[in-house]
Amino acid sequence: FGYVRDLYQHPGIRNTVDFWHIRQHYHYSHDSINPHRIVPKGPDLAPYNLPHQRAGLSQESLL
């Protein structure tokens, strides 16, 4: 989840991610699995803004 947070926190990405649209489209476009078009609340975006803790990673640790 740290990688997702890292990406989301970039202004060029954060400003273009529309979770409302993603959620609505997903739940309204699959009639066979959601015939009543029930759309859950969420997501809670607070965790996406927490520190991603990826600064300590380096290429050396991946080898």
PDB file of N, CA and C in Angstrom:
ATOM      1  N   PHE A   1       0.823  -1.188   0.000  1.00  0.00           N
ATOM      2  CA  PHE A   1       0.000   0.000   0.000  1.00  0.00           C
ATOM      3  C   PHE A   1       0.870   1.254   0.000  1.00  0.00           C
ATOM      4  N   GLY A   2       2.121   1.123   0.449  1.00  0.00           N
ATOM      5  CA  GLY A   2       3.041   2.252   0.438  1.00  0.00           C
ATOM      6  C   GLY A   2       3.271   2.787  -0.968  1.00  0.00           C
ATOM      7  N   TYR A   3       3.353   1.873  -1.939  1.00  0.00           N
ATOM      8  CA  TYR A   3       3.559   2.278  -3.329  1.00  0.00           C
ATOM      9  C   TYR A   3       2.364   3.084  -3.835  1.00  0.00           C
ATOM     10  N   VAL A   4       1.161   2.624  -3.517  1.00  0.00           N
ATOM     11  CA  VAL A   4      -0.052   3.334  -3.931  1.00  0.00           C
ATOM     12  C   VAL A   4      -0.084   4.722  -3.300  1.00  0.00           C
ATOM     13  N   ARG A   5       0.246   4.802  -2.021  1.00  0.00           N
ATOM     14  CA  ARG A   5       0.283   6.109  -1.350  1.00  0.00           C
ATOM     15  C   ARG A   5       1.310   7.027  -1.995  1.00  0.00           C
ATOM     16  N   ASP A   6       2.476   6.477  -2.291  1.00  0.00           N
ATOM     17  CA  ASP A   6       3.531   7.260  -2.923  1.00  0.00           C
ATOM     18  C   ASP A   6       3.031   7.841  -4.244  1.00  0.00           C
ATOM     19  N   LEU A   7       2.419   7.023  -5.066  1.00  0.00           N
ATOM     20  CA  LEU A   7       1.890   7.505  -6.342  1.00  0.00           C
ATOM     21  C   LEU A   7       0.790   8.536  -6.139  1.00  0.00           C
ATOM     22  N   TYR A   8      -0.152   8.233  -5.272  1.00  0.00           N
ATOM     23  CA  TYR A   8      -1.304   9.116  -5.058  1.00  0.00           C
ATOM     24  C   TYR A   8      -0.880  10.494  -4.562  1.00  0.00           C
ATOM     25  N   GLN A   9       0.192  10.573  -3.821  1.00  0.00           N
ATOM     26  CA  GLN A   9       0.614  11.843  -3.239  1.00  0.00           C
ATOM     27  C   GLN A   9       1.308  12.771  -4.236  1.00  0.00           C
ATOM     28  N   HIS A  10       1.586  12.303  -5.430  1.00  0.00           N
ATOM     29  CA  HIS A  10       2.123  13.184  -6.472  1.00  0.00           C
ATOM     30  C   HIS A  10       0.990  14.069  -6.980  1.00  0.00           C
ATOM     31  N   PRO A  11       1.182  15.398  -6.977  1.00  0.00           N
ATOM     32  CA  PRO A  11       0.106  16.301  -7.396  1.00  0.00           C
ATOM     33  C   PRO A  11      -0.452  15.976  -8.783  1.00  0.00           C
ATOM     34  N   GLY A  12       0.379  15.589  -9.707  1.00  0.00           N
ATOM     35  CA  GLY A  12      -0.095  15.263 -11.049  1.00  0.00           C
ATOM     36  C   GLY A  12      -1.002  14.053 -11.085  1.00  0.00           C
ATOM     37  N   ILE A  13      -0.908  13.212 -10.087  1.00  0.00           N
ATOM     38  CA  ILE A  13      -1.770  12.031 -10.011  1.00  0.00           C
ATOM     39  C   ILE A  13      -2.957  12.321  -9.104  1.00  0.00           C
ATOM     40  N   ARG A  14      -2.694  12.830  -7.913  1.00  0.00           N
ATOM     41  CA  ARG A  14      -3.771  13.103  -6.953  1.00  0.00           C
ATOM     42  C   ARG A  14      -4.865  13.971  -7.574  1.00  0.00           C
ATOM     43  N   ASN A  15      -4.471  14.969  -8.343  1.00  0.00           N
ATOM     44  CA  ASN A  15      -5.442  15.891  -8.922  1.00  0.00           C
ATOM     45  C   ASN A  15      -6.283  15.275 -10.027  1.00  0.00           C
ATOM     46  N   THR A  16      -5.873  14.118 -10.534  1.00  0.00           N
ATOM     47  CA  THR A  16      -6.631  13.493 -11.618  1.00  0.00           C
ATOM     48  C   THR A  16      -7.401  12.253 -11.176  1.00  0.00           C
ATOM     49  N   VAL A  17      -7.184  11.778  -9.964  1.00  0.00           N
ATOM     50  CA  VAL A  17      -7.891  10.592  -9.469  1.00  0.00           C
ATOM     51  C   VAL A  17      -9.236  11.020  -8.895  1.00  0.00           C
ATOM     52  N   ASP A  18     -10.294  10.472  -9.454  1.00  0.00           N
ATOM     53  CA  ASP A  18     -11.651  10.802  -9.013  1.00  0.00           C
ATOM     54  C   ASP A  18     -12.295   9.523  -8.481  1.00  0.00           C
ATOM     55  N   PHE A  19     -12.123   9.267  -7.185  1.00  0.00           N
ATOM     56  CA  PHE A  19     -12.640   8.030  -6.603  1.00  0.00           C
ATOM     57  C   PHE A  19     -14.157   7.935  -6.723  1.00  0.00           C
ATOM     58  N   TRP A  20     -14.864   9.056  -6.671  1.00  0.00           N
ATOM     59  CA  TRP A  20     -16.323   9.024  -6.825  1.00  0.00           C
ATOM     60  C   TRP A  20     -16.671   8.460  -8.199  1.00  0.00           C
ATOM     61  N   HIS A  21     -16.018   8.942  -9.226  1.00  0.00           N
ATOM     62  CA  HIS A  21     -16.291   8.476 -10.583  1.00  0.00           C
ATOM     63  C   HIS A  21     -15.904   7.000 -10.745  1.00  0.00           C
ATOM     64  N   ILE A  22     -14.767   6.618 -10.215  1.00  0.00           N
ATOM     65  CA  ILE A  22     -14.328   5.222 -10.300  1.00  0.00           C
ATOM     66  C   ILE A  22     -15.358   4.312  -9.645  1.00  0.00           C
ATOM     67  N   ARG A  23     -15.800   4.673  -8.451  1.00  0.00           N
ATOM     68  CA  ARG A  23     -16.773   3.856  -7.712  1.00  0.00           C
ATOM     69  C   ARG A  23     -18.107   3.795  -8.452  1.00  0.00           C
ATOM     70  N   GLN A  24     -18.612   4.932  -8.893  1.00  0.00           N
ATOM     71  CA  GLN A  24     -19.896   4.966  -9.601  1.00  0.00           C
ATOM     72  C   GLN A  24     -19.836   4.128 -10.870  1.00  0.00           C
ATOM     73  N   HIS A  25     -18.799   4.311 -11.652  1.00  0.00           N
ATOM     74  CA  HIS A  25     -18.689   3.572 -12.913  1.00  0.00           C
ATOM     75  C   HIS A  25     -18.625   2.066 -12.660  1.00  0.00           C
ATOM     76  N   TYR A  26     -17.814   1.655 -11.730  1.00  0.00           N
ATOM     77  CA  TYR A  26     -17.678   0.227 -11.448  1.00  0.00           C
ATOM     78  C   TYR A  26     -19.010  -0.386 -11.039  1.00  0.00           C
ATOM     79  N   HIS A  27     -19.706   0.246 -10.116  1.00  0.00           N
ATOM     80  CA  HIS A  27     -20.927  -0.346  -9.582  1.00  0.00           C
ATOM     81  C   HIS A  27     -22.135  -0.175 -10.493  1.00  0.00           C
ATOM     82  N   TYR A  28     -22.107   0.778 -11.395  1.00  0.00           N
ATOM     83  CA  TYR A  28     -23.228   0.965 -12.317  1.00  0.00           C
ATOM     84  C   TYR A  28     -23.033   0.232 -13.636  1.00  0.00           C
ATOM     85  N   SER A  29     -21.835  -0.180 -13.964  1.00  0.00           N
ATOM     86  CA  SER A  29     -21.587  -0.791 -15.266  1.00  0.00           C
ATOM     87  C   SER A  29     -21.638  -2.316 -15.255  1.00  0.00           C
ATOM     88  N   HIS A  30     -21.824  -2.928 -14.110  1.00  0.00           N
ATOM     89  CA  HIS A  30     -21.859  -4.392 -14.023  1.00  0.00           C
ATOM     90  C   HIS A  30     -23.236  -4.851 -13.541  1.00  0.00           C
ATOM     91  N   ASP A  31     -24.201  -4.820 -14.451  1.00  0.00           N
ATOM     92  CA  ASP A  31     -25.571  -5.199 -14.092  1.00  0.00           C
ATOM     93  C   ASP A  31     -25.678  -6.630 -13.573  1.00  0.00           C
ATOM     94  N   SER A  32     -24.850  -7.520 -14.102  1.00  0.00           N
ATOM     95  CA  SER A  32     -24.975  -8.923 -13.707  1.00  0.00           C
ATOM     96  C   SER A  32     -24.538  -9.165 -12.261  1.00  0.00           C
ATOM     97  N   ILE A  33     -23.600  -8.380 -11.753  1.00  0.00           N
ATOM     98  CA  ILE A  33     -23.161  -8.591 -10.369  1.00  0.00           C
ATOM     99  C   ILE A  33     -23.747  -7.569  -9.404  1.00  0.00           C
ATOM    100  N   ASN A  34     -24.362  -6.522  -9.937  1.00  0.00           N
ATOM    101  CA  ASN A  34     -24.958  -5.496  -9.079  1.00  0.00           C
ATOM    102  C   ASN A  34     -26.247  -4.976  -9.725  1.00  0.00           C
ATOM    103  N   PRO A  35     -27.264  -5.847  -9.861  1.00  0.00           N
ATOM    104  CA  PRO A  35     -28.494  -5.439 -10.557  1.00  0.00           C
ATOM    105  C   PRO A  35     -29.254  -4.308  -9.864  1.00  0.00           C
ATOM    106  N   HIS A  36     -29.066  -4.136  -8.577  1.00  0.00           N
ATOM    107  CA  HIS A  36     -29.777  -3.076  -7.847  1.00  0.00           C
ATOM    108  C   HIS A  36     -28.967  -1.782  -7.774  1.00  0.00           C
ATOM    109  N   ARG A  37     -27.775  -1.828  -8.348  1.00  0.00           N
ATOM    110  CA  ARG A  37     -26.890  -0.653  -8.409  1.00  0.00           C
ATOM    111  C   ARG A  37     -26.644  -0.026  -7.041  1.00  0.00           C
ATOM    112  N   ILE A  38     -26.347  -0.880  -6.106  1.00  0.00           N
ATOM    113  CA  ILE A  38     -26.005  -0.426  -4.760  1.00  0.00           C
ATOM    114  C   ILE A  38     -24.543   0.009  -4.774  1.00  0.00           C
ATOM    115  N   VAL A  39     -24.299   1.233  -4.365  1.00  0.00           N
ATOM    116  CA  VAL A  39     -22.944   1.787  -4.368  1.00  0.00           C
ATOM    117  C   VAL A  39     -22.518   2.017  -2.923  1.00  0.00           C
ATOM    118  N   PRO A  40     -21.430   1.368  -2.502  1.00  0.00           N
ATOM    119  CA  PRO A  40     -20.986   1.526  -1.117  1.00  0.00           C
ATOM    120  C   PRO A  40     -20.387   2.907  -0.863  1.00  0.00           C
ATOM    121  N   LYS A  41     -20.325   3.278   0.384  1.00  0.00           N
ATOM    122  CA  LYS A  41     -19.643   4.506   0.777  1.00  0.00           C
ATOM    123  C   LYS A  41     -18.143   4.288   0.663  1.00  0.00           C
ATOM    124  N   GLY A  42     -17.444   5.378   0.589  1.00  0.00           N
ATOM    125  CA  GLY A  42     -15.997   5.274   0.615  1.00  0.00           C
ATOM    126  C   GLY A  42     -15.388   5.576  -0.728  1.00  0.00           C
ATOM    127  N   PRO A  43     -14.106   5.422  -0.861  1.00  0.00           N
ATOM    128  CA  PRO A  43     -13.182   5.020   0.185  1.00  0.00           C
ATOM    129  C   PRO A  43     -12.802   6.184   1.093  1.00  0.00           C
ATOM    130  N   ASP A  44     -12.305   5.838   2.248  1.00  0.00           N
ATOM    131  CA  ASP A  44     -11.756   6.827   3.167  1.00  0.00           C
ATOM    132  C   ASP A  44     -10.381   7.212   2.622  1.00  0.00           C
ATOM    133  N   LEU A  45     -10.229   8.444   2.203  1.00  0.00           N
ATOM    134  CA  LEU A  45      -8.976   8.872   1.582  1.00  0.00           C
ATOM    135  C   LEU A  45      -7.879   9.218   2.576  1.00  0.00           C
ATOM    136  N   ALA A  46      -8.192   9.255   3.861  1.00  0.00           N
ATOM    137  CA  ALA A  46      -7.185   9.609   4.870  1.00  0.00           C
ATOM    138  C   ALA A  46      -5.939   8.719   4.786  1.00  0.00           C
ATOM    139  N   PRO A  47      -6.063   7.391   4.655  1.00  0.00           N
ATOM    140  CA  PRO A  47      -4.859   6.558   4.576  1.00  0.00           C
ATOM    141  C   PRO A  47      -3.988   6.859   3.353  1.00  0.00           C
ATOM    142  N   TYR A  48      -4.585   7.377   2.297  1.00  0.00           N
ATOM    143  CA  TYR A  48      -3.808   7.697   1.102  1.00  0.00           C
ATOM    144  C   TYR A  48      -2.882   8.887   1.332  1.00  0.00           C
ATOM    145  N   ASN A  49      -3.166   9.683   2.340  1.00  0.00           N
ATOM    146  CA  ASN A  49      -2.364  10.865   2.630  1.00  0.00           C
ATOM    147  C   ASN A  49      -1.348  10.652   3.751  1.00  0.00           C
ATOM    148  N   LEU A  50      -1.301   9.458   4.323  1.00  0.00           N
ATOM    149  CA  LEU A  50      -0.321   9.150   5.361  1.00  0.00           C
ATOM    150  C   LEU A  50       1.062   8.988   4.738  1.00  0.00           C
ATOM    151  N   PRO A  51       2.117   9.152   5.519  1.00  0.00           N
ATOM    152  CA  PRO A  51       3.467   8.949   4.978  1.00  0.00           C
ATOM    153  C   PRO A  51       3.606   7.549   4.383  1.00  0.00           C
ATOM    154  N   HIS A  52       4.212   7.481   3.219  1.00  0.00           N
ATOM    155  CA  HIS A  52       4.332   6.191   2.530  1.00  0.00           C
ATOM    156  C   HIS A  52       5.545   5.394   2.978  1.00  0.00           C
ATOM    157  N   GLN A  53       6.486   6.015   3.670  1.00  0.00           N
ATOM    158  CA  GLN A  53       7.641   5.331   4.255  1.00  0.00           C
ATOM    159  C   GLN A  53       8.520   4.641   3.213  1.00  0.00           C
ATOM    160  N   ARG A  54       8.531   5.176   2.008  1.00  0.00           N
ATOM    161  CA  ARG A  54       9.326   4.558   0.943  1.00  0.00           C
ATOM    162  C   ARG A  54      10.683   5.236   0.760  1.00  0.00           C
ATOM    163  N   ALA A  55      10.930   6.332   1.475  1.00  0.00           N
ATOM    164  CA  ALA A  55      12.191   7.056   1.311  1.00  0.00           C
ATOM    165  C   ALA A  55      13.388   6.202   1.724  1.00  0.00           C
ATOM    166  N   GLY A  56      13.186   5.264   2.631  1.00  0.00           N
ATOM    167  CA  GLY A  56      14.272   4.411   3.092  1.00  0.00           C
ATOM    168  C   GLY A  56      14.629   3.302   2.121  1.00  0.00           C
ATOM    169  N   LEU A  57      13.821   3.111   1.112  1.00  0.00           N
ATOM    170  CA  LEU A  57      14.100   2.069   0.128  1.00  0.00           C
ATOM    171  C   LEU A  57      15.135   2.566  -0.869  1.00  0.00           C
ATOM    172  N   SER A  58      15.925   1.671  -1.350  1.00  0.00           N
ATOM    173  CA  SER A  58      16.910   2.032  -2.366  1.00  0.00           C
ATOM    174  C   SER A  58      17.046   0.874  -3.336  1.00  0.00           C
ATOM    175  N   GLN A  59      17.714   1.122  -4.417  1.00  0.00           N
ATOM    176  CA  GLN A  59      17.961   0.068  -5.391  1.00  0.00           C
ATOM    177  C   GLN A  59      18.794  -1.049  -4.768  1.00  0.00           C
ATOM    178  N   GLU A  60      19.714  -0.705  -3.877  1.00  0.00           N
ATOM    179  CA  GLU A  60      20.575  -1.705  -3.250  1.00  0.00           C
ATOM    180  C   GLU A  60      19.770  -2.701  -2.430  1.00  0.00           C
ATOM    181  N   SER A  61      18.705  -2.236  -1.776  1.00  0.00           N
ATOM    182  CA  SER A  61      17.913  -3.147  -0.947  1.00  0.00           C
ATOM    183  C   SER A  61      17.087  -4.102  -1.793  1.00  0.00           C
ATOM    184  N   LEU A  62      16.954  -3.807  -3.092  1.00  0.00           N
ATOM    185  CA  LEU A  62      16.176  -4.667  -3.973  1.00  0.00           C
ATOM    186  C   LEU A  62      17.015  -5.773  -4.591  1.00  0.00           C
ATOM    187  N   LEU A  63      18.320  -5.675  -4.490  1.00  0.00           N
ATOM    188  CA  LEU A  63      19.202  -6.680  -5.110  1.00  0.00           C
ATOM    189  C   LEU A  63      19.388  -7.886  -4.252  1.00  0.00           C
TER     190      LEU A  63
END
